[in-house]
Amino acid sequence: MAEDNKLNKQTSVKVNSARAWWLAARPKTLSGAAVPVMIGIAWAYHVAHNVLVVPALLCCLFAFIMQIDANLVNDYFDFKHGNDDVSTRLGPKRACAEGWITPQCMLRGIAVTTALACIAGLPLIIYGGWSMVIVGLCCVLFCFLYTLKFSYLGLGDVLVLVFFGIVPVTLTFYLSVPGHQLPTLDVWLSSIATGLVIDTLLIVNNYRDRDNDRRDGKITLVVRIGEKAAELLYLFLGLIGLAIPVVILAVHTDDTTFWLYETVFVFYLILHISTWNHMVRINHGKELNRILGKTARNMFLYGVTNVVILLI
């Protein structure tokens, strides 16, 4: 169709082009998939001083593809629900709503990325047994349920805690550590902390969209609790996510080493509080997209900080 070959006048994105798919994949969100897997691998090395490279890489690949899959699912179904009105949308532009990718092609893209994720995860059966099939199916199922149901009920934050914290950290640890040792209490606590920090990204996203979501009947956690409580929640999620590894360090290191390591975490603390303060001052509008970017940066720094400390 001639329509499929036209150029978007505002962005010069050709319909269904490689650039359109790149934008739809939202590569900036991949840090959310990388951080928990990085921390899980770092814990495996910390405990065993060795890592099984193949399952670690497969966990990374599965996480990246599932993140892209989730982005495409979110793009398509929000468009079908009418939640991506280009005249009122405050967040980054979406592929279907902007006409960069046709709905039919987006559905095919979702089918391909879902299949690729399953293919990437299937070999993990060799290392973790057939229970990996159940875990993989749950990841795929809740990838769809997040957009179709849970995000409308204010339960999206719970899924982030589980599938961007607890599941990837503990499972990556279990599959990557030689002998497949079960996660220790420290690993479990670290997985919860990771999920809380990553959830700050969802909080600021829903904080920005709270008026549009309320209008569209999308009752996110931010809509439920209100903007002031959401601001405090954003702050305390980051602080609690930082407090947990601090406590773990305090238990397992001597005084000299503890304070040495804690100075590394100070950078995240300063950036998190600064970003929160900036978010509160902006309060409304597209300017909050800057906070989204800063939160993603803070989240990645948190992951790198944890990894460095666990490795040394």
C-alpha atoms as a PDB file:
ATOM      1  CA  MET A   1       0.000   0.000   0.000  1.00  0.00           C
ATOM      2  CA  ALA A   2       1.136   3.512  -0.802  1.00  0.00           C
ATOM      3  CA  GLU A   3       0.152   4.500   2.727  1.00  0.00           C
ATOM      4  CA  ASP A   4       2.694   2.081   4.165  1.00  0.00           C
ATOM      5  CA  ASN A   5       5.521   3.823   2.298  1.00  0.00           C
ATOM      6  CA  LYS A   6       4.810   7.391   3.310  1.00  0.00           C
ATOM      7  CA  LEU A   7       7.052   9.304   5.680  1.00  0.00           C
ATOM      8  CA  ASN A   8       5.863  10.628   8.976  1.00  0.00           C
ATOM      9  CA  LYS A   9       6.152  14.380   8.478  1.00  0.00           C
ATOM     10  CA  GLN A  10       7.073  15.154  12.053  1.00  0.00           C
ATOM     11  CA  THR A  11       9.672  12.474  12.704  1.00  0.00           C
ATOM     12  CA  SER A  12      10.692  11.191   9.237  1.00  0.00           C
ATOM     13  CA  VAL A  13      10.046   7.627  10.337  1.00  0.00           C
ATOM     14  CA  LYS A  14       9.082   5.380   7.450  1.00  0.00           C
ATOM     15  CA  VAL A  15       6.152   3.103   8.214  1.00  0.00           C
ATOM     16  CA  ASN A  16       7.228  -0.405   9.308  1.00  0.00           C
ATOM     17  CA  SER A  17      10.889   0.488   8.715  1.00  0.00           C
ATOM     18  CA  ALA A  18      13.860  -0.727  10.745  1.00  0.00           C
ATOM     19  CA  ARG A  19      13.981   2.635  12.501  1.00  0.00           C
ATOM     20  CA  ALA A  20      10.302   2.349  13.390  1.00  0.00           C
ATOM     21  CA  TRP A  21      10.919  -1.034  15.026  1.00  0.00           C
ATOM     22  CA  TRP A  22      13.982   0.318  16.828  1.00  0.00           C
ATOM     23  CA  LEU A  23      11.895   3.122  18.314  1.00  0.00           C
ATOM     24  CA  ALA A  24       9.076   0.708  19.199  1.00  0.00           C
ATOM     25  CA  ALA A  25      11.549  -1.531  21.039  1.00  0.00           C
ATOM     26  CA  ARG A  26      12.418   1.428  23.325  1.00  0.00           C
ATOM     27  CA  PRO A  27      16.097   0.533  23.778  1.00  0.00           C
ATOM     28  CA  LYS A  28      16.454   2.955  26.700  1.00  0.00           C
ATOM     29  CA  THR A  29      14.231   0.665  28.786  1.00  0.00           C
ATOM     30  CA  LEU A  30      16.613  -2.278  28.411  1.00  0.00           C
ATOM     31  CA  SER A  31      18.525  -1.164  31.507  1.00  0.00           C
ATOM     32  CA  GLY A  32      15.477  -2.343  33.469  1.00  0.00           C
ATOM     33  CA  ALA A  33      16.068  -5.836  32.086  1.00  0.00           C
ATOM     34  CA  ALA A  34      19.849  -5.677  32.489  1.00  0.00           C
ATOM     35  CA  VAL A  35      20.107  -4.555  36.125  1.00  0.00           C
ATOM     36  CA  PRO A  36      18.472  -7.554  37.893  1.00  0.00           C
ATOM     37  CA  VAL A  37      20.323 -10.070  35.725  1.00  0.00           C
ATOM     38  CA  MET A  38      23.621  -8.258  36.358  1.00  0.00           C
ATOM     39  CA  ILE A  39      23.016  -8.383  40.098  1.00  0.00           C
ATOM     40  CA  GLY A  40      22.041 -12.063  39.978  1.00  0.00           C
ATOM     41  CA  ILE A  41      25.265 -12.938  38.122  1.00  0.00           C
ATOM     42  CA  ALA A  42      27.315 -10.821  40.533  1.00  0.00           C
ATOM     43  CA  TRP A  43      25.807 -12.672  43.506  1.00  0.00           C
ATOM     44  CA  ALA A  44      26.658 -16.001  41.863  1.00  0.00           C
ATOM     45  CA  TYR A  45      30.271 -14.925  41.481  1.00  0.00           C
ATOM     46  CA  HIS A  46      30.348 -13.493  45.010  1.00  0.00           C
ATOM     47  CA  VAL A  47      29.165 -16.775  46.515  1.00  0.00           C
ATOM     48  CA  ALA A  48      31.065 -19.283  44.354  1.00  0.00           C
ATOM     49  CA  HIS A  49      33.910 -17.180  42.851  1.00  0.00           C
ATOM     50  CA  ASN A  50      32.836 -18.622  39.538  1.00  0.00           C
ATOM     51  CA  VAL A  51      29.941 -18.286  37.100  1.00  0.00           C
ATOM     52  CA  LEU A  52      28.376 -20.656  34.570  1.00  0.00           C
ATOM     53  CA  VAL A  53      28.705 -18.458  31.498  1.00  0.00           C
ATOM     54  CA  VAL A  54      26.149 -20.073  29.152  1.00  0.00           C
ATOM     55  CA  PRO A  55      23.092 -19.928  31.453  1.00  0.00           C
ATOM     56  CA  ALA A  56      24.117 -16.418  32.551  1.00  0.00           C
ATOM     57  CA  LEU A  57      24.153 -15.256  28.927  1.00  0.00           C
ATOM     58  CA  LEU A  58      20.854 -17.011  28.211  1.00  0.00           C
ATOM     59  CA  CYS A  59      19.275 -15.216  31.189  1.00  0.00           C
ATOM     60  CA  CYS A  60      20.512 -11.905  29.765  1.00  0.00           C
ATOM     61  CA  LEU A  61      19.169 -12.691  26.299  1.00  0.00           C
ATOM     62  CA  PHE A  62      15.792 -13.849  27.612  1.00  0.00           C
ATOM     63  CA  ALA A  63      15.445 -10.724  29.774  1.00  0.00           C
ATOM     64  CA  PHE A  64      16.287  -8.365  26.905  1.00  0.00           C
ATOM     65  CA  ILE A  65      13.879 -10.013  24.457  1.00  0.00           C
ATOM     66  CA  MET A  66      11.087 -10.150  27.041  1.00  0.00           C
ATOM     67  CA  GLN A  67      11.565  -6.428  27.744  1.00  0.00           C
ATOM     68  CA  ILE A  68      11.198  -5.642  24.043  1.00  0.00           C
ATOM     69  CA  ASP A  69       8.193  -7.972  23.850  1.00  0.00           C
ATOM     70  CA  ALA A  70       6.572  -6.174  26.790  1.00  0.00           C
ATOM     71  CA  ASN A  71       7.179  -2.822  25.094  1.00  0.00           C
ATOM     72  CA  LEU A  72       5.519  -3.981  21.867  1.00  0.00           C
ATOM     73  CA  VAL A  73       2.573  -5.480  23.765  1.00  0.00           C
ATOM     74  CA  ASN A  74       2.149  -2.244  25.698  1.00  0.00           C
ATOM     75  CA  ASP A  75       2.379  -0.184  22.505  1.00  0.00           C
ATOM     76  CA  TYR A  76      -0.245  -2.227  20.653  1.00  0.00           C
ATOM     77  CA  PHE A  77      -2.856  -2.710  23.367  1.00  0.00           C
ATOM     78  CA  ASP A  78      -2.651   0.837  24.725  1.00  0.00           C
ATOM     79  CA  PHE A  79      -3.250   1.983  21.152  1.00  0.00           C
ATOM     80  CA  LYS A  80      -6.247  -0.342  20.803  1.00  0.00           C
ATOM     81  CA  HIS A  81      -7.628   0.926  24.124  1.00  0.00           C
ATOM     82  CA  GLY A  82      -7.244   4.522  22.951  1.00  0.00           C
ATOM     83  CA  ASN A  83      -4.732   5.397  25.694  1.00  0.00           C
ATOM     84  CA  ASP A  84      -2.118   6.796  23.311  1.00  0.00           C
ATOM     85  CA  ASP A  85      -3.943   9.841  21.944  1.00  0.00           C
ATOM     86  CA  VAL A  86      -1.155  11.830  20.251  1.00  0.00           C
ATOM     87  CA  SER A  87      -2.846  15.126  21.159  1.00  0.00           C
ATOM     88  CA  THR A  88      -2.803  14.459  24.915  1.00  0.00           C
ATOM     89  CA  ARG A  89       0.058  11.993  25.401  1.00  0.00           C
ATOM     90  CA  LEU A  90       2.850  13.308  27.628  1.00  0.00           C
ATOM     91  CA  GLY A  91       5.302  10.425  27.403  1.00  0.00           C
ATOM     92  CA  PRO A  92       7.604   9.388  24.541  1.00  0.00           C
ATOM     93  CA  LYS A  93       5.803   8.765  21.263  1.00  0.00           C
ATOM     94  CA  ARG A  94       4.403   5.306  20.598  1.00  0.00           C
ATOM     95  CA  ALA A  95       4.823   3.464  17.323  1.00  0.00           C
ATOM     96  CA  CYS A  96       1.222   2.435  16.633  1.00  0.00           C
ATOM     97  CA  ALA A  97      -0.291   5.744  17.716  1.00  0.00           C
ATOM     98  CA  GLU A  98       2.175   7.697  15.559  1.00  0.00           C
ATOM     99  CA  GLY A  99       1.573   5.433  12.566  1.00  0.00           C
ATOM    100  CA  TRP A 100       5.184   4.268  12.471  1.00  0.00           C
ATOM    101  CA  ILE A 101       4.066   0.635  12.626  1.00  0.00           C
ATOM    102  CA  THR A 102       0.709  -0.651  11.468  1.00  0.00           C
ATOM    103  CA  PRO A 103      -1.351  -2.633  14.029  1.00  0.00           C
ATOM    104  CA  GLN A 104      -1.189  -5.770  11.880  1.00  0.00           C
ATOM    105  CA  CYS A 105       2.611  -5.608  11.705  1.00  0.00           C
ATOM    106  CA  MET A 106       2.824  -4.896  15.435  1.00  0.00           C
ATOM    107  CA  LEU A 107       0.881  -8.083  16.148  1.00  0.00           C
ATOM    108  CA  ARG A 108       3.321 -10.022  13.998  1.00  0.00           C
ATOM    109  CA  GLY A 109       6.204  -8.363  15.815  1.00  0.00           C
ATOM    110  CA  ILE A 110       4.731  -9.405  19.167  1.00  0.00           C
ATOM    111  CA  ALA A 111       4.422 -12.993  17.924  1.00  0.00           C
ATOM    112  CA  VAL A 112       8.054 -12.998  16.746  1.00  0.00           C
ATOM    113  CA  THR A 113       9.526 -11.522  19.947  1.00  0.00           C
ATOM    114  CA  THR A 114       7.445 -13.855  22.108  1.00  0.00           C
ATOM    115  CA  ALA A 115       8.701 -16.846  20.087  1.00  0.00           C
ATOM    116  CA  LEU A 116      12.309 -15.597  20.248  1.00  0.00           C
ATOM    117  CA  ALA A 117      12.076 -15.198  24.026  1.00  0.00           C
ATOM    118  CA  CYS A 118      10.819 -18.773  24.349  1.00  0.00           C
ATOM    119  CA  ILE A 119      13.622 -20.030  22.090  1.00  0.00           C
ATOM    120  CA  ALA A 120      16.230 -18.126  24.138  1.00  0.00           C
ATOM    121  CA  GLY A 121      14.851 -19.463  27.410  1.00  0.00           C
ATOM    122  CA  LEU A 122      14.266 -23.062  26.362  1.00  0.00           C
ATOM    123  CA  PRO A 123      17.911 -24.221  26.761  1.00  0.00           C
ATOM    124  CA  LEU A 124      17.736 -23.192  30.425  1.00  0.00           C
ATOM    125  CA  ILE A 125      15.871 -26.484  30.948  1.00  0.00           C
ATOM    126  CA  ILE A 126      19.293 -28.146  30.722  1.00  0.00           C
ATOM    127  CA  TYR A 127      20.469 -26.193  33.765  1.00  0.00           C
ATOM    128  CA  GLY A 128      17.318 -25.709  35.821  1.00  0.00           C
ATOM    129  CA  GLY A 129      15.071 -28.578  34.812  1.00  0.00           C
ATOM    130  CA  TRP A 130      11.527 -28.529  33.468  1.00  0.00           C
ATOM    131  CA  SER A 131      10.451 -26.001  36.093  1.00  0.00           C
ATOM    132  CA  MET A 132      12.082 -23.409  33.814  1.00  0.00           C
ATOM    133  CA  VAL A 133       9.196 -23.945  31.393  1.00  0.00           C
ATOM    134  CA  ILE A 134       6.727 -22.867  34.079  1.00  0.00           C
ATOM    135  CA  VAL A 135       8.813 -19.806  34.924  1.00  0.00           C
ATOM    136  CA  GLY A 136       9.101 -18.868  31.259  1.00  0.00           C
ATOM    137  CA  LEU A 137       5.369 -19.269  30.662  1.00  0.00           C
ATOM    138  CA  CYS A 138       4.636 -17.090  33.696  1.00  0.00           C
ATOM    139  CA  CYS A 139       6.940 -14.387  32.337  1.00  0.00           C
ATOM    140  CA  VAL A 140       5.161 -14.453  28.971  1.00  0.00           C
ATOM    141  CA  LEU A 141       1.689 -14.595  30.530  1.00  0.00           C
ATOM    142  CA  PHE A 142       2.253 -11.667  32.874  1.00  0.00           C
ATOM    143  CA  CYS A 143       3.927  -9.708  30.092  1.00  0.00           C
ATOM    144  CA  PHE A 144       0.486  -9.597  28.478  1.00  0.00           C
ATOM    145  CA  LEU A 145      -1.543  -9.383  31.683  1.00  0.00           C
ATOM    146  CA  TYR A 146       0.379  -6.315  32.813  1.00  0.00           C
ATOM    147  CA  THR A 147      -0.934  -4.220  29.907  1.00  0.00           C
ATOM    148  CA  LEU A 148      -4.295  -5.940  29.534  1.00  0.00           C
ATOM    149  CA  LYS A 149      -5.348  -6.052  33.195  1.00  0.00           C
ATOM    150  CA  PHE A 150      -2.933  -5.395  36.043  1.00  0.00           C
ATOM    151  CA  SER A 151      -1.868  -1.885  35.039  1.00  0.00           C
ATOM    152  CA  TYR A 152      -5.560  -0.871  35.088  1.00  0.00           C
ATOM    153  CA  LEU A 153      -5.985  -2.182  38.639  1.00  0.00           C
ATOM    154  CA  GLY A 154      -2.998  -0.509  40.262  1.00  0.00           C
ATOM    155  CA  LEU A 155      -1.120  -3.824  40.427  1.00  0.00           C
ATOM    156  CA  GLY A 156       1.580  -3.049  37.883  1.00  0.00           C
ATOM    157  CA  ASP A 157       4.004  -2.175  40.679  1.00  0.00           C
ATOM    158  CA  VAL A 158       3.582  -5.655  42.162  1.00  0.00           C
ATOM    159  CA  LEU A 159       4.507  -7.223  38.829  1.00  0.00           C
ATOM    160  CA  VAL A 160       7.585  -5.002  38.595  1.00  0.00           C
ATOM    161  CA  LEU A 161       8.704  -6.123  42.056  1.00  0.00           C
ATOM    162  CA  VAL A 162       8.226  -9.782  41.120  1.00  0.00           C
ATOM    163  CA  PHE A 163       9.379  -9.878  37.488  1.00  0.00           C
ATOM    164  CA  PHE A 164      12.039  -7.155  37.553  1.00  0.00           C
ATOM    165  CA  GLY A 165      13.344  -7.982  41.008  1.00  0.00           C
ATOM    166  CA  ILE A 166      12.647 -11.263  42.723  1.00  0.00           C
ATOM    167  CA  VAL A 167      12.396 -13.608  39.713  1.00  0.00           C
ATOM    168  CA  PRO A 168      15.352 -12.431  37.582  1.00  0.00           C
ATOM    169  CA  VAL A 169      17.806 -11.926  40.471  1.00  0.00           C
ATOM    170  CA  THR A 170      17.112 -15.212  42.262  1.00  0.00           C
ATOM    171  CA  LEU A 171      16.692 -17.271  39.101  1.00  0.00           C
ATOM    172  CA  THR A 172      19.815 -15.867  37.451  1.00  0.00           C
ATOM    173  CA  PHE A 173      21.739 -16.604  40.650  1.00  0.00           C
ATOM    174  CA  TYR A 174      20.428 -20.168  40.795  1.00  0.00           C
ATOM    175  CA  LEU A 175      21.225 -20.906  37.145  1.00  0.00           C
ATOM    176  CA  SER A 176      24.600 -19.139  37.084  1.00  0.00           C
ATOM    177  CA  VAL A 177      26.167 -20.413  40.296  1.00  0.00           C
ATOM    178  CA  PRO A 178      28.046 -23.718  39.891  1.00  0.00           C
ATOM    179  CA  GLY A 179      26.105 -26.543  41.524  1.00  0.00           C
ATOM    180  CA  HIS A 180      22.879 -24.523  41.264  1.00  0.00           C
ATOM    181  CA  GLN A 181      22.825 -23.495  44.890  1.00  0.00           C
ATOM    182  CA  LEU A 182      19.488 -22.171  46.141  1.00  0.00           C
ATOM    183  CA  PRO A 183      19.401 -18.399  46.716  1.00  0.00           C
ATOM    184  CA  THR A 184      20.558 -17.323  50.162  1.00  0.00           C
ATOM    185  CA  LEU A 185      18.643 -14.862  52.337  1.00  0.00           C
ATOM    186  CA  ASP A 186      21.002 -12.118  51.148  1.00  0.00           C
ATOM    187  CA  VAL A 187      20.141 -12.872  47.517  1.00  0.00           C
ATOM    188  CA  TRP A 188      16.409 -12.818  48.287  1.00  0.00           C
ATOM    189  CA  LEU A 189      16.732  -9.476  50.071  1.00  0.00           C
ATOM    190  CA  SER A 190      18.817  -8.083  47.234  1.00  0.00           C
ATOM    191  CA  SER A 191      16.179  -9.182  44.707  1.00  0.00           C
ATOM    192  CA  ILE A 192      13.478  -7.313  46.646  1.00  0.00           C
ATOM    193  CA  ALA A 193      15.669  -4.205  46.848  1.00  0.00           C
ATOM    194  CA  THR A 194      16.298  -4.372  43.097  1.00  0.00           C
ATOM    195  CA  GLY A 195      12.579  -4.628  42.339  1.00  0.00           C
ATOM    196  CA  LEU A 196      11.832  -1.619  44.554  1.00  0.00           C
ATOM    197  CA  VAL A 197      14.445   0.530  42.819  1.00  0.00           C
ATOM    198  CA  ILE A 198      13.254  -0.467  39.348  1.00  0.00           C
ATOM    199  CA  ASP A 199       9.673   0.310  40.386  1.00  0.00           C
ATOM    200  CA  THR A 200      10.664   3.984  40.762  1.00  0.00           C
ATOM    201  CA  LEU A 201      10.695   4.055  36.962  1.00  0.00           C
ATOM    202  CA  LEU A 202       7.064   2.933  36.823  1.00  0.00           C
ATOM    203  CA  ILE A 203       6.101   5.354  39.584  1.00  0.00           C
ATOM    204  CA  VAL A 204       7.437   8.404  37.739  1.00  0.00           C
ATOM    205  CA  ASN A 205       5.888   7.167  34.477  1.00  0.00           C
ATOM    206  CA  ASN A 206       2.451   6.869  36.104  1.00  0.00           C
ATOM    207  CA  TYR A 207       2.991  10.109  38.051  1.00  0.00           C
ATOM    208  CA  ARG A 208       3.446  11.931  34.754  1.00  0.00           C
ATOM    209  CA  ASP A 209       0.363  10.292  33.206  1.00  0.00           C
ATOM    210  CA  ARG A 210      -1.911  10.423  36.273  1.00  0.00           C
ATOM    211  CA  ASP A 211      -4.447  12.868  34.817  1.00  0.00           C
ATOM    212  CA  ASN A 212      -4.726  11.052  31.491  1.00  0.00           C
ATOM    213  CA  ASP A 213      -4.923   7.667  33.228  1.00  0.00           C
ATOM    214  CA  ARG A 214      -7.668   8.898  35.545  1.00  0.00           C
ATOM    215  CA  ARG A 215      -9.614  10.200  32.548  1.00  0.00           C
ATOM    216  CA  ASP A 216      -9.189   6.903  30.667  1.00  0.00           C
ATOM    217  CA  GLY A 217     -10.189   4.759  33.649  1.00  0.00           C
ATOM    218  CA  LYS A 218      -6.670   3.380  34.117  1.00  0.00           C
ATOM    219  CA  ILE A 219      -6.462   3.168  37.908  1.00  0.00           C
ATOM    220  CA  THR A 220      -2.716   2.929  38.497  1.00  0.00           C
ATOM    221  CA  LEU A 221      -1.257   2.967  41.994  1.00  0.00           C
ATOM    222  CA  VAL A 222      -0.461   6.668  41.556  1.00  0.00           C
ATOM    223  CA  VAL A 223      -4.088   7.391  40.666  1.00  0.00           C
ATOM    224  CA  ARG A 224      -5.229   5.420  43.710  1.00  0.00           C
ATOM    225  CA  ILE A 225      -2.994   7.081  46.298  1.00  0.00           C
ATOM    226  CA  GLY A 226      -2.723  10.581  44.829  1.00  0.00           C
ATOM    227  CA  GLU A 227       0.221  12.677  43.718  1.00  0.00           C
ATOM    228  CA  LYS A 228       1.624  13.623  47.160  1.00  0.00           C
ATOM    229  CA  ALA A 229       1.688  10.027  48.360  1.00  0.00           C
ATOM    230  CA  ALA A 230       3.185   8.998  45.001  1.00  0.00           C
ATOM    231  CA  GLU A 231       5.990  11.520  45.445  1.00  0.00           C
ATOM    232  CA  LEU A 232       6.813  10.090  48.869  1.00  0.00           C
ATOM    233  CA  LEU A 233       6.545   6.542  47.528  1.00  0.00           C
ATOM    234  CA  TYR A 234       9.075   7.343  44.794  1.00  0.00           C
ATOM    235  CA  LEU A 235      11.474   8.719  47.403  1.00  0.00           C
ATOM    236  CA  PHE A 236      11.114   5.856  49.877  1.00  0.00           C
ATOM    237  CA  LEU A 237      11.307   3.059  47.287  1.00  0.00           C
ATOM    238  CA  GLY A 238      14.776   4.279  46.360  1.00  0.00           C
ATOM    239  CA  LEU A 239      15.795   4.735  49.992  1.00  0.00           C
ATOM    240  CA  ILE A 240      14.577   1.275  51.021  1.00  0.00           C
ATOM    241  CA  GLY A 241      16.238  -0.235  47.942  1.00  0.00           C
ATOM    242  CA  LEU A 242      19.477   1.369  49.129  1.00  0.00           C
ATOM    243  CA  ALA A 243      19.011   0.479  52.809  1.00  0.00           C
ATOM    244  CA  ILE A 244      18.775  -3.268  52.158  1.00  0.00           C
ATOM    245  CA  PRO A 245      22.248  -3.725  50.598  1.00  0.00           C
ATOM    246  CA  VAL A 246      23.648  -1.377  53.263  1.00  0.00           C
ATOM    247  CA  VAL A 247      22.322  -3.696  55.972  1.00  0.00           C
ATOM    248  CA  ILE A 248      23.711  -6.733  54.131  1.00  0.00           C
ATOM    249  CA  LEU A 249      27.116  -5.050  53.985  1.00  0.00           C
ATOM    250  CA  ALA A 250      26.974  -4.086  57.654  1.00  0.00           C
ATOM    251  CA  VAL A 251      26.368  -7.701  58.631  1.00  0.00           C
ATOM    252  CA  HIS A 252      29.102  -9.217  56.475  1.00  0.00           C
ATOM    253  CA  THR A 253      31.984  -6.720  56.485  1.00  0.00           C
ATOM    254  CA  ASP A 254      34.238  -5.166  59.091  1.00  0.00           C
ATOM    255  CA  ASP A 255      33.955  -1.493  59.996  1.00  0.00           C
ATOM    256  CA  THR A 256      36.738  -0.286  57.711  1.00  0.00           C
ATOM    257  CA  THR A 257      35.488  -2.162  54.654  1.00  0.00           C
ATOM    258  CA  PHE A 258      31.867  -1.239  55.398  1.00  0.00           C
ATOM    259  CA  TRP A 259      32.489   2.498  55.281  1.00  0.00           C
ATOM    260  CA  LEU A 260      34.660   2.142  52.214  1.00  0.00           C
ATOM    261  CA  TYR A 261      31.872   0.380  50.339  1.00  0.00           C
ATOM    262  CA  GLU A 262      29.204   2.760  51.605  1.00  0.00           C
ATOM    263  CA  THR A 263      30.922   5.725  50.002  1.00  0.00           C
ATOM    264  CA  VAL A 264      30.160   4.096  46.640  1.00  0.00           C
ATOM    265  CA  PHE A 265      26.427   4.016  47.461  1.00  0.00           C
ATOM    266  CA  VAL A 266      26.466   7.712  48.377  1.00  0.00           C
ATOM    267  CA  PHE A 267      26.479   8.616  44.663  1.00  0.00           C
ATOM    268  CA  TYR A 268      23.191   6.798  44.102  1.00  0.00           C
ATOM    269  CA  LEU A 269      21.695   8.360  47.233  1.00  0.00           C
ATOM    270  CA  ILE A 270      22.575  11.895  46.127  1.00  0.00           C
ATOM    271  CA  LEU A 271      21.252  11.363  42.603  1.00  0.00           C
ATOM    272  CA  HIS A 272      18.038   9.714  43.806  1.00  0.00           C
ATOM    273  CA  ILE A 273      17.169  12.511  46.239  1.00  0.00           C
ATOM    274  CA  SER A 274      18.092  15.156  43.654  1.00  0.00           C
ATOM    275  CA  THR A 275      15.882  13.479  41.026  1.00  0.00           C
ATOM    276  CA  TRP A 276      12.988  13.196  43.489  1.00  0.00           C
ATOM    277  CA  ASN A 277      13.305  16.884  44.381  1.00  0.00           C
ATOM    278  CA  HIS A 278      13.321  17.794  40.690  1.00  0.00           C
ATOM    279  CA  MET A 279      10.241  15.632  40.056  1.00  0.00           C
ATOM    280  CA  VAL A 280       8.296  17.319  42.857  1.00  0.00           C
ATOM    281  CA  ARG A 281       9.201  20.778  41.552  1.00  0.00           C
ATOM    282  CA  ILE A 282       8.113  19.953  37.985  1.00  0.00           C
ATOM    283  CA  ASN A 283       4.919  18.183  39.113  1.00  0.00           C
ATOM    284  CA  HIS A 284       3.112  18.166  35.757  1.00  0.00           C
ATOM    285  CA  GLY A 285       3.677  17.929  32.033  1.00  0.00           C
ATOM    286  CA  LYS A 286       6.090  16.595  29.458  1.00  0.00           C
ATOM    287  CA  GLU A 287       9.027  17.991  31.406  1.00  0.00           C
ATOM    288  CA  LEU A 288       8.660  14.924  33.642  1.00  0.00           C
ATOM    289  CA  ASN A 289      10.149  12.874  30.788  1.00  0.00           C
ATOM    290  CA  ARG A 290      13.489  14.270  31.959  1.00  0.00           C
ATOM    291  CA  ILE A 291      12.825  12.669  35.341  1.00  0.00           C
ATOM    292  CA  LEU A 292      12.117   9.392  33.584  1.00  0.00           C
ATOM    293  CA  GLY A 293      15.553   9.560  31.963  1.00  0.00           C
ATOM    294  CA  LYS A 294      17.261  10.489  35.218  1.00  0.00           C
ATOM    295  CA  THR A 295      15.492   7.678  37.052  1.00  0.00           C
ATOM    296  CA  ALA A 296      16.685   5.173  34.439  1.00  0.00           C
ATOM    297  CA  ARG A 297      20.219   6.520  34.912  1.00  0.00           C
ATOM    298  CA  ASN A 298      19.966   6.203  38.703  1.00  0.00           C
ATOM    299  CA  MET A 299      18.599   2.684  38.374  1.00  0.00           C
ATOM    300  CA  PHE A 300      21.489   1.612  36.159  1.00  0.00           C
ATOM    301  CA  LEU A 301      23.991   3.225  38.531  1.00  0.00           C
ATOM    302  CA  TYR A 302      22.395   1.294  41.390  1.00  0.00           C
ATOM    303  CA  GLY A 303      22.899  -1.956  39.484  1.00  0.00           C
ATOM    304  CA  VAL A 304      26.513  -1.180  38.588  1.00  0.00           C
ATOM    305  CA  THR A 305      27.243  -0.156  42.194  1.00  0.00           C
ATOM    306  CA  ASN A 306      25.883  -3.437  43.543  1.00  0.00           C
ATOM    307  CA  VAL A 307      27.804  -5.445  40.980  1.00  0.00           C
ATOM    308  CA  VAL A 308      31.101  -3.667  41.702  1.00  0.00           C
ATOM    309  CA  ILE A 309      30.781  -4.147  45.455  1.00  0.00           C
ATOM    310  CA  LEU A 310      29.827  -7.821  45.104  1.00  0.00           C
ATOM    311  CA  LEU A 311      32.770  -8.486  42.792  1.00  0.00           C
ATOM    312  CA  ILE A 312      35.389  -6.815  44.964  1.00  0.00           C
END
